[in-house]
Amino acid sequence: MSAQTPPPSANDIAGAIDWWRLAGVDIDALDEPSGWLDSEIAPPVAATAAEPTPQPKPVEKVPPPPPPGAAIEGLAPVPGDAKAWPKDLTEFQRWWTQDENFAPAGAFPRIAPRGTAQAELMIVTGQPEQNDTSELLSGPQGQLLDGFMRAAGLASDAVYVASALPRHTLRPDWSEVGATGYGALLAHHITLVAPRRLLVFGRDVLALIPHELAQEPASLPVFNQEKLSIPLMSTRNLSNLVQRAGFKARFWQQWLDFTDS
């Protein structure tokens, strides 16, 4: 039986430690790495603000659509009826610009028509120009009319100039204009002037004039109201004529045909 190796003595152990220390090793090291300083540290939990309690959104109140015939922007329904409207042209012109119940509010001023009764020609346009302040059609549309009147040999005092609306109105709905009474008022205005001829600028304006249900507004050759029968010519609105030379030429030919008939 072989003799067992005696356990190392204290002197042997001390000598081994001294040997390793001389070799520059003064710590206990293993071949396999060990994470003595590693510890499973839970990642910090980010502080989160408390979620606010959702508040219900306020319900938006949507106004109901205006009923047919309701007041349009800048205008109010024409007060009264033909029985209550002025019967004299001079009084009508004053009422047009001064009556408190007629078109009382709007961003633009009311502009009076100009001319006298029984004019050679009555010109009707839709509304005053945007920059009119005291005289109807004082801008480019009025300049076009002045040129037309000179070419047609019409003196300014022989022409009555009027508008269907008393003040400039942005993007008017002409069906609503008629429903609020301005068509009947325009017909009343024409009867007070009682011109020899009638020239209407704009299909929308022509449609305001009362006519037989079976008759298309565009085909109206005559204004018939209150025993009056006035030859009528309709053409494009003035803003279109200002912009297009071809429209001016067509309008002039219409005028020649109208006055030759």
C-alpha atoms as a PDB file:
ATOM      1  CA  MET A   1       0.000   0.000   0.000  1.00  0.00           C
ATOM      2  CA  SER A   2       1.432   3.317  -0.953  1.00  0.00           C
ATOM      3  CA  ALA A   3       1.940   5.912   1.710  1.00  0.00           C
ATOM      4  CA  GLN A   4      -0.548   8.811   1.693  1.00  0.00           C
ATOM      5  CA  THR A   5       0.780  12.300   0.996  1.00  0.00           C
ATOM      6  CA  PRO A   6       0.778  14.163   4.255  1.00  0.00           C
ATOM      7  CA  PRO A   7      -1.276  17.383   4.276  1.00  0.00           C
ATOM      8  CA  PRO A   8       0.716  20.582   3.757  1.00  0.00           C
ATOM      9  CA  SER A   9       1.999  22.101   6.904  1.00  0.00           C
ATOM     10  CA  ALA A  10       1.562  25.688   7.860  1.00  0.00           C
ATOM     11  CA  ASN A  11       5.107  26.380   6.748  1.00  0.00           C
ATOM     12  CA  ASP A  12       4.333  24.863   3.310  1.00  0.00           C
ATOM     13  CA  ILE A  13       1.269  27.054   2.863  1.00  0.00           C
ATOM     14  CA  ALA A  14       3.118  30.173   3.951  1.00  0.00           C
ATOM     15  CA  GLY A  15       5.932  29.363   1.565  1.00  0.00           C
ATOM     16  CA  ALA A  16       3.505  28.920  -1.379  1.00  0.00           C
ATOM     17  CA  ILE A  17       1.849  32.244  -0.640  1.00  0.00           C
ATOM     18  CA  ASP A  18       5.239  33.939  -0.465  1.00  0.00           C
ATOM     19  CA  TRP A  19       6.130  32.400  -3.816  1.00  0.00           C
ATOM     20  CA  TRP A  20       3.023  33.708  -5.554  1.00  0.00           C
ATOM     21  CA  ARG A  21       3.512  37.095  -3.950  1.00  0.00           C
ATOM     22  CA  LEU A  22       7.026  37.248  -5.329  1.00  0.00           C
ATOM     23  CA  ALA A  23       5.578  36.369  -8.715  1.00  0.00           C
ATOM     24  CA  GLY A  24       3.390  39.464  -8.515  1.00  0.00           C
ATOM     25  CA  VAL A  25       0.109  37.713  -7.713  1.00  0.00           C
ATOM     26  CA  ASP A  26      -1.429  39.067  -4.564  1.00  0.00           C
ATOM     27  CA  ILE A  27      -5.130  38.295  -5.209  1.00  0.00           C
ATOM     28  CA  ASP A  28      -7.134  35.121  -5.506  1.00  0.00           C
ATOM     29  CA  ALA A  29      -7.904  34.582  -9.218  1.00  0.00           C
ATOM     30  CA  LEU A  30      -9.771  31.896 -11.097  1.00  0.00           C
ATOM     31  CA  ASP A  31      -9.620  30.833 -14.698  1.00  0.00           C
ATOM     32  CA  GLU A  32     -13.375  31.426 -15.091  1.00  0.00           C
ATOM     33  CA  PRO A  33     -14.539  35.060 -14.731  1.00  0.00           C
ATOM     34  CA  SER A  34     -16.872  35.835 -11.902  1.00  0.00           C
ATOM     35  CA  GLY A  35     -18.888  38.989 -11.384  1.00  0.00           C
ATOM     36  CA  TRP A  36     -18.250  39.735  -7.808  1.00  0.00           C
ATOM     37  CA  LEU A  37     -19.397  43.330  -8.120  1.00  0.00           C
ATOM     38  CA  ASP A  38     -22.214  42.545 -10.504  1.00  0.00           C
ATOM     39  CA  SER A  39     -25.699  42.507  -9.103  1.00  0.00           C
ATOM     40  CA  GLU A  40     -29.024  42.421 -10.818  1.00  0.00           C
ATOM     41  CA  ILE A  41     -30.187  45.974 -10.324  1.00  0.00           C
ATOM     42  CA  ALA A  42     -33.682  46.668 -11.601  1.00  0.00           C
ATOM     43  CA  PRO A  43     -33.787  49.592 -14.022  1.00  0.00           C
ATOM     44  CA  PRO A  44     -35.210  52.733 -12.483  1.00  0.00           C
ATOM     45  CA  VAL A  45     -38.886  53.199 -13.127  1.00  0.00           C
ATOM     46  CA  ALA A  46     -39.480  56.535 -14.765  1.00  0.00           C
ATOM     47  CA  ALA A  47     -41.832  58.660 -12.812  1.00  0.00           C
ATOM     48  CA  THR A  48     -44.973  59.159 -14.813  1.00  0.00           C
ATOM     49  CA  ALA A  49     -47.405  61.938 -14.239  1.00  0.00           C
ATOM     50  CA  ALA A  50     -50.876  60.927 -13.380  1.00  0.00           C
ATOM     51  CA  GLU A  51     -53.039  60.692 -16.467  1.00  0.00           C
ATOM     52  CA  PRO A  52     -55.571  63.539 -16.455  1.00  0.00           C
ATOM     53  CA  THR A  53     -59.145  62.485 -16.437  1.00  0.00           C
ATOM     54  CA  PRO A  54     -60.477  63.022 -19.976  1.00  0.00           C
ATOM     55  CA  GLN A  55     -63.052  65.761 -20.114  1.00  0.00           C
ATOM     56  CA  PRO A  56     -65.987  65.529 -22.493  1.00  0.00           C
ATOM     57  CA  LYS A  57     -65.712  67.876 -25.457  1.00  0.00           C
ATOM     58  CA  PRO A  58     -68.251  70.681 -25.480  1.00  0.00           C
ATOM     59  CA  VAL A  59     -70.995  70.138 -27.968  1.00  0.00           C
ATOM     60  CA  GLU A  60     -70.852  72.751 -30.707  1.00  0.00           C
ATOM     61  CA  LYS A  61     -74.151  74.389 -31.313  1.00  0.00           C
ATOM     62  CA  VAL A  62     -74.790  74.525 -35.033  1.00  0.00           C
ATOM     63  CA  PRO A  63     -77.348  77.173 -35.947  1.00  0.00           C
ATOM     64  CA  PRO A  64     -80.212  75.910 -38.043  1.00  0.00           C
ATOM     65  CA  PRO A  65     -80.220  76.904 -41.721  1.00  0.00           C
ATOM     66  CA  PRO A  66     -82.105  80.121 -42.425  1.00  0.00           C
ATOM     67  CA  PRO A  67     -85.609  79.620 -43.735  1.00  0.00           C
ATOM     68  CA  PRO A  68     -86.409  80.641 -47.311  1.00  0.00           C
ATOM     69  CA  GLY A  69     -86.870  84.371 -47.488  1.00  0.00           C
ATOM     70  CA  ALA A  70     -84.680  85.061 -44.439  1.00  0.00           C
ATOM     71  CA  ALA A  71     -82.552  88.194 -44.392  1.00  0.00           C
ATOM     72  CA  ILE A  72     -79.304  87.858 -46.341  1.00  0.00           C
ATOM     73  CA  GLU A  73     -76.003  89.464 -45.420  1.00  0.00           C
ATOM     74  CA  GLY A  74     -76.240  93.237 -45.471  1.00  0.00           C
ATOM     75  CA  LEU A  75     -79.928  93.251 -46.346  1.00  0.00           C
ATOM     76  CA  ALA A  76     -83.267  92.912 -44.643  1.00  0.00           C
ATOM     77  CA  PRO A  77     -86.540  91.873 -46.246  1.00  0.00           C
ATOM     78  CA  VAL A  78     -88.261  94.733 -48.014  1.00  0.00           C
ATOM     79  CA  PRO A  79     -90.778  96.173 -45.555  1.00  0.00           C
ATOM     80  CA  GLY A  80     -94.436  96.266 -46.464  1.00  0.00           C
ATOM     81  CA  ASP A  81     -95.729  95.773 -49.984  1.00  0.00           C
ATOM     82  CA  ALA A  82     -96.447  97.864 -53.069  1.00  0.00           C
ATOM     83  CA  LYS A  83     -99.362  99.580 -51.310  1.00  0.00           C
ATOM     84  CA  ALA A  84     -97.001 100.893 -48.632  1.00  0.00           C
ATOM     85  CA  TRP A  85     -94.129 101.901 -50.908  1.00  0.00           C
ATOM     86  CA  PRO A  86     -93.748 105.516 -52.073  1.00  0.00           C
ATOM     87  CA  LYS A  87     -95.910 106.395 -55.068  1.00  0.00           C
ATOM     88  CA  ASP A  88     -93.787 109.358 -56.154  1.00  0.00           C
ATOM     89  CA  LEU A  89     -90.336 108.869 -57.721  1.00  0.00           C
ATOM     90  CA  THR A  90     -88.685 111.681 -55.764  1.00  0.00           C
ATOM     91  CA  GLU A  91     -90.043 110.299 -52.506  1.00  0.00           C
ATOM     92  CA  PHE A  92     -89.010 106.790 -53.543  1.00  0.00           C
ATOM     93  CA  GLN A  93     -85.409 107.920 -54.088  1.00  0.00           C
ATOM     94  CA  ARG A  94     -85.346 109.497 -50.625  1.00  0.00           C
ATOM     95  CA  TRP A  95     -86.906 106.379 -49.075  1.00  0.00           C
ATOM     96  CA  TRP A  96     -84.309 104.204 -50.877  1.00  0.00           C
ATOM     97  CA  THR A  97     -81.431 105.771 -48.944  1.00  0.00           C
ATOM     98  CA  GLN A  98     -82.984 107.166 -45.765  1.00  0.00           C
ATOM     99  CA  ASP A  99     -85.846 104.994 -44.552  1.00  0.00           C
ATOM    100  CA  GLU A 100     -84.846 103.319 -41.279  1.00  0.00           C
ATOM    101  CA  ASN A 101     -86.837 100.165 -41.969  1.00  0.00           C
ATOM    102  CA  PHE A 102     -85.470  99.563 -45.461  1.00  0.00           C
ATOM    103  CA  ALA A 103     -82.104  97.743 -45.633  1.00  0.00           C
ATOM    104  CA  PRO A 104     -81.117  99.196 -42.252  1.00  0.00           C
ATOM    105  CA  ALA A 105     -77.741  97.442 -41.855  1.00  0.00           C
ATOM    106  CA  GLY A 106     -74.782  96.576 -44.038  1.00  0.00           C
ATOM    107  CA  ALA A 107     -71.052  97.077 -44.526  1.00  0.00           C
ATOM    108  CA  PHE A 108     -71.564  99.356 -47.532  1.00  0.00           C
ATOM    109  CA  PRO A 109     -73.645 102.532 -47.889  1.00  0.00           C
ATOM    110  CA  ARG A 110     -76.973 102.695 -49.638  1.00  0.00           C
ATOM    111  CA  ILE A 111     -76.594 104.421 -52.991  1.00  0.00           C
ATOM    112  CA  ALA A 112     -79.446 106.337 -54.605  1.00  0.00           C
ATOM    113  CA  PRO A 113     -80.510 105.856 -58.221  1.00  0.00           C
ATOM    114  CA  ARG A 114     -80.056 108.836 -60.508  1.00  0.00           C
ATOM    115  CA  GLY A 115     -82.229 110.342 -63.209  1.00  0.00           C
ATOM    116  CA  THR A 116     -85.764 111.561 -63.726  1.00  0.00           C
ATOM    117  CA  ALA A 117     -89.100 110.013 -64.604  1.00  0.00           C
ATOM    118  CA  GLN A 118     -89.998 109.143 -68.195  1.00  0.00           C
ATOM    119  CA  ALA A 119     -86.349 108.814 -69.182  1.00  0.00           C
ATOM    120  CA  GLU A 120     -85.408 107.788 -72.694  1.00  0.00           C
ATOM    121  CA  LEU A 121     -83.664 104.732 -71.238  1.00  0.00           C
ATOM    122  CA  MET A 122     -83.675 103.121 -67.798  1.00  0.00           C
ATOM    123  CA  ILE A 123     -80.580 101.065 -66.985  1.00  0.00           C
ATOM    124  CA  VAL A 124     -80.830  98.459 -64.214  1.00  0.00           C
ATOM    125  CA  THR A 125     -77.831  96.679 -62.720  1.00  0.00           C
ATOM    126  CA  GLY A 126     -77.622  94.267 -59.820  1.00  0.00           C
ATOM    127  CA  GLN A 127     -75.978  96.391 -57.155  1.00  0.00           C
ATOM    128  CA  PRO A 128     -73.710  99.385 -56.601  1.00  0.00           C
ATOM    129  CA  GLU A 129     -70.007  98.940 -57.184  1.00  0.00           C
ATOM    130  CA  GLN A 130     -67.921  98.090 -54.143  1.00  0.00           C
ATOM    131  CA  ASN A 131     -66.272 101.519 -53.966  1.00  0.00           C
ATOM    132  CA  ASP A 132     -69.426 103.572 -54.560  1.00  0.00           C
ATOM    133  CA  THR A 133     -69.914 106.121 -51.798  1.00  0.00           C
ATOM    134  CA  SER A 134     -72.274 108.796 -53.088  1.00  0.00           C
ATOM    135  CA  GLU A 135     -72.935 108.055 -56.766  1.00  0.00           C
ATOM    136  CA  LEU A 136     -74.171 104.835 -58.307  1.00  0.00           C
ATOM    137  CA  LEU A 137     -71.629 103.107 -60.584  1.00  0.00           C
ATOM    138  CA  SER A 138     -68.747 105.502 -59.990  1.00  0.00           C
ATOM    139  CA  GLY A 139     -66.039 102.939 -60.843  1.00  0.00           C
ATOM    140  CA  PRO A 140     -65.031 100.836 -63.871  1.00  0.00           C
ATOM    141  CA  GLN A 141     -68.601  99.724 -64.563  1.00  0.00           C
ATOM    142  CA  GLY A 142     -69.772 103.318 -64.620  1.00  0.00           C
ATOM    143  CA  GLN A 143     -66.944 104.264 -66.978  1.00  0.00           C
ATOM    144  CA  LEU A 144     -68.051 101.520 -69.350  1.00  0.00           C
ATOM    145  CA  LEU A 145     -71.624 102.836 -69.227  1.00  0.00           C
ATOM    146  CA  ASP A 146     -70.448 106.385 -69.938  1.00  0.00           C
ATOM    147  CA  GLY A 147     -68.603 105.161 -73.027  1.00  0.00           C
ATOM    148  CA  PHE A 148     -71.660 103.238 -74.184  1.00  0.00           C
ATOM    149  CA  MET A 149     -73.938 106.246 -73.738  1.00  0.00           C
ATOM    150  CA  ARG A 150     -71.606 108.468 -75.759  1.00  0.00           C
ATOM    151  CA  ALA A 151     -71.431 105.878 -78.545  1.00  0.00           C
ATOM    152  CA  ALA A 152     -75.219 105.484 -78.493  1.00  0.00           C
ATOM    153  CA  GLY A 153     -75.786 109.254 -78.566  1.00  0.00           C
ATOM    154  CA  LEU A 154     -77.578 109.255 -75.204  1.00  0.00           C
ATOM    155  CA  ALA A 155     -77.310 112.349 -73.031  1.00  0.00           C
ATOM    156  CA  SER A 156     -76.759 111.648 -69.336  1.00  0.00           C
ATOM    157  CA  ASP A 157     -79.977 113.464 -68.391  1.00  0.00           C
ATOM    158  CA  ALA A 158     -81.935 111.177 -70.736  1.00  0.00           C
ATOM    159  CA  VAL A 159     -80.860 108.026 -68.880  1.00  0.00           C
ATOM    160  CA  TYR A 160     -82.083 106.757 -65.517  1.00  0.00           C
ATOM    161  CA  VAL A 161     -79.588 104.486 -63.709  1.00  0.00           C
ATOM    162  CA  ALA A 162     -80.780 102.166 -60.940  1.00  0.00           C
ATOM    163  CA  SER A 163     -79.755  99.020 -59.074  1.00  0.00           C
ATOM    164  CA  ALA A 164     -81.844  96.134 -57.808  1.00  0.00           C
ATOM    165  CA  LEU A 165     -80.100  96.253 -54.414  1.00  0.00           C
ATOM    166  CA  PRO A 166     -79.653  99.469 -52.434  1.00  0.00           C
ATOM    167  CA  ARG A 167     -76.117  98.675 -51.259  1.00  0.00           C
ATOM    168  CA  HIS A 168     -73.190  96.567 -52.410  1.00  0.00           C
ATOM    169  CA  THR A 169     -73.578  93.048 -51.026  1.00  0.00           C
ATOM    170  CA  LEU A 170     -70.886  90.366 -51.080  1.00  0.00           C
ATOM    171  CA  ARG A 171     -71.875  87.308 -53.106  1.00  0.00           C
ATOM    172  CA  PRO A 172     -75.636  87.791 -52.968  1.00  0.00           C
ATOM    173  CA  ASP A 173     -77.857  84.761 -53.473  1.00  0.00           C
ATOM    174  CA  TRP A 174     -80.211  86.150 -56.096  1.00  0.00           C
ATOM    175  CA  SER A 175     -82.928  83.616 -55.400  1.00  0.00           C
ATOM    176  CA  GLU A 176     -82.957  84.870 -51.815  1.00  0.00           C
ATOM    177  CA  VAL A 177     -82.920  88.456 -53.071  1.00  0.00           C
ATOM    178  CA  GLY A 178     -86.111  87.734 -54.949  1.00  0.00           C
ATOM    179  CA  ALA A 179     -87.645  85.923 -51.970  1.00  0.00           C
ATOM    180  CA  THR A 180     -87.013  88.909 -49.692  1.00  0.00           C
ATOM    181  CA  GLY A 181     -89.065  91.209 -51.917  1.00  0.00           C
ATOM    182  CA  TYR A 182     -86.535  92.988 -54.107  1.00  0.00           C
ATOM    183  CA  GLY A 183     -88.011  91.677 -57.341  1.00  0.00           C
ATOM    184  CA  ALA A 184     -91.405  93.200 -56.635  1.00  0.00           C
ATOM    185  CA  LEU A 185     -89.701  96.384 -55.461  1.00  0.00           C
ATOM    186  CA  LEU A 186     -87.717  96.588 -58.706  1.00  0.00           C
ATOM    187  CA  ALA A 187     -90.923  96.282 -60.729  1.00  0.00           C
ATOM    188  CA  HIS A 188     -92.458  99.071 -58.632  1.00  0.00           C
ATOM    189  CA  HIS A 189     -89.380 101.230 -59.240  1.00  0.00           C
ATOM    190  CA  ILE A 190     -89.633 100.714 -63.005  1.00  0.00           C
ATOM    191  CA  THR A 191     -93.300 101.715 -63.032  1.00  0.00           C
ATOM    192  CA  LEU A 192     -92.449 104.953 -61.198  1.00  0.00           C
ATOM    193  CA  VAL A 193     -89.787 105.831 -63.770  1.00  0.00           C
ATOM    194  CA  ALA A 194     -91.921 104.698 -66.741  1.00  0.00           C
ATOM    195  CA  PRO A 195     -89.013 104.888 -69.224  1.00  0.00           C
ATOM    196  CA  ARG A 196     -89.305 104.585 -72.961  1.00  0.00           C
ATOM    197  CA  ARG A 197     -86.867 101.628 -73.025  1.00  0.00           C
ATOM    198  CA  LEU A 198     -85.439  99.316 -70.385  1.00  0.00           C
ATOM    199  CA  LEU A 199     -81.898  97.860 -70.359  1.00  0.00           C
ATOM    200  CA  VAL A 200     -81.169  95.177 -67.737  1.00  0.00           C
ATOM    201  CA  PHE A 201     -77.603  94.020 -67.012  1.00  0.00           C
ATOM    202  CA  GLY A 202     -77.378  90.481 -65.638  1.00  0.00           C
ATOM    203  CA  ARG A 203     -79.529  87.392 -66.011  1.00  0.00           C
ATOM    204  CA  ASP A 204     -79.972  87.195 -62.231  1.00  0.00           C
ATOM    205  CA  VAL A 205     -81.385  90.707 -62.205  1.00  0.00           C
ATOM    206  CA  LEU A 206     -83.717  89.945 -65.089  1.00  0.00           C
ATOM    207  CA  ALA A 207     -85.049  86.919 -63.182  1.00  0.00           C
ATOM    208  CA  LEU A 208     -86.162  89.238 -60.367  1.00  0.00           C
ATOM    209  CA  ILE A 209     -88.704  90.967 -62.601  1.00  0.00           C
ATOM    210  CA  PRO A 210     -92.148  89.384 -62.186  1.00  0.00           C
ATOM    211  CA  HIS A 211     -93.248  87.445 -65.255  1.00  0.00           C
ATOM    212  CA  GLU A 212     -95.697  84.780 -66.332  1.00  0.00           C
ATOM    213  CA  LEU A 213     -94.875  81.320 -64.952  1.00  0.00           C
ATOM    214  CA  ALA A 214     -94.797  79.834 -68.439  1.00  0.00           C
ATOM    215  CA  GLN A 215     -92.366  82.501 -69.635  1.00  0.00           C
ATOM    216  CA  GLU A 216     -88.622  82.195 -69.210  1.00  0.00           C
ATOM    217  CA  PRO A 217     -87.006  85.359 -67.769  1.00  0.00           C
ATOM    218  CA  ALA A 218     -84.348  85.327 -70.505  1.00  0.00           C
ATOM    219  CA  SER A 219     -87.059  85.625 -73.159  1.00  0.00           C
ATOM    220  CA  LEU A 220     -88.718  88.733 -71.726  1.00  0.00           C
ATOM    221  CA  PRO A 221     -88.916  91.201 -74.647  1.00  0.00           C
ATOM    222  CA  VAL A 222     -91.270  93.586 -72.864  1.00  0.00           C
ATOM    223  CA  PHE A 223     -91.854  94.758 -69.305  1.00  0.00           C
ATOM    224  CA  ASN A 224     -95.584  94.551 -68.624  1.00  0.00           C
ATOM    225  CA  GLN A 225     -96.751  95.981 -65.320  1.00  0.00           C
ATOM    226  CA  GLU A 226     -99.652  98.226 -64.343  1.00  0.00           C
ATOM    227  CA  LYS A 227    -100.734  99.037 -67.894  1.00  0.00           C
ATOM    228  CA  LEU A 228     -97.145  99.779 -68.912  1.00  0.00           C
ATOM    229  CA  SER A 229     -95.565  97.989 -71.866  1.00  0.00           C
ATOM    230  CA  ILE A 230     -91.873  98.863 -72.096  1.00  0.00           C
ATOM    231  CA  PRO A 231     -89.439  97.294 -74.625  1.00  0.00           C
ATOM    232  CA  LEU A 232     -86.791  95.418 -72.658  1.00  0.00           C
ATOM    233  CA  MET A 233     -83.274  94.333 -73.533  1.00  0.00           C
ATOM    234  CA  SER A 234     -81.183  92.113 -71.250  1.00  0.00           C
ATOM    235  CA  THR A 235     -77.490  91.341 -71.501  1.00  0.00           C
ATOM    236  CA  ARG A 236     -74.528  90.154 -69.440  1.00  0.00           C
ATOM    237  CA  ASN A 237     -73.760  91.832 -66.148  1.00  0.00           C
ATOM    238  CA  LEU A 238     -71.488  94.846 -66.213  1.00  0.00           C
ATOM    239  CA  SER A 239     -68.582  93.125 -64.456  1.00  0.00           C
ATOM    240  CA  ASN A 240     -68.355  90.619 -67.328  1.00  0.00           C
ATOM    241  CA  LEU A 241     -68.499  93.363 -69.947  1.00  0.00           C
ATOM    242  CA  VAL A 242     -65.688  95.240 -68.225  1.00  0.00           C
ATOM    243  CA  GLN A 243     -63.419  92.183 -68.396  1.00  0.00           C
ATOM    244  CA  ARG A 244     -64.034  90.895 -71.924  1.00  0.00           C
ATOM    245  CA  ALA A 245     -63.776  92.915 -75.131  1.00  0.00           C
ATOM    246  CA  GLY A 246     -65.696  90.228 -77.010  1.00  0.00           C
ATOM    247  CA  PHE A 247     -68.635  90.641 -74.649  1.00  0.00           C
ATOM    248  CA  LYS A 248     -68.647  94.397 -75.327  1.00  0.00           C
ATOM    249  CA  ALA A 249     -68.841  93.786 -79.081  1.00  0.00           C
ATOM    250  CA  ARG A 250     -71.722  91.362 -78.632  1.00  0.00           C
ATOM    251  CA  PHE A 251     -73.525  93.807 -76.352  1.00  0.00           C
ATOM    252  CA  TRP A 252     -73.166  96.611 -78.898  1.00  0.00           C
ATOM    253  CA  GLN A 253     -74.658  94.444 -81.627  1.00  0.00           C
ATOM    254  CA  GLN A 254     -77.551  93.572 -79.313  1.00  0.00           C
ATOM    255  CA  TRP A 255     -78.141  97.262 -78.724  1.00  0.00           C
ATOM    256  CA  LEU A 256     -78.206  98.050 -82.442  1.00  0.00           C
ATOM    257  CA  ASP A 257     -80.720  95.263 -83.043  1.00  0.00           C
ATOM    258  CA  PHE A 258     -82.808  96.429 -80.091  1.00  0.00           C
ATOM    259  CA  THR A 259     -83.001 100.062 -81.164  1.00  0.00           C
ATOM    260  CA  ASP A 260     -83.682  99.175 -84.823  1.00  0.00           C
ATOM    261  CA  SER A 261     -86.733  97.131 -83.903  1.00  0.00           C
END
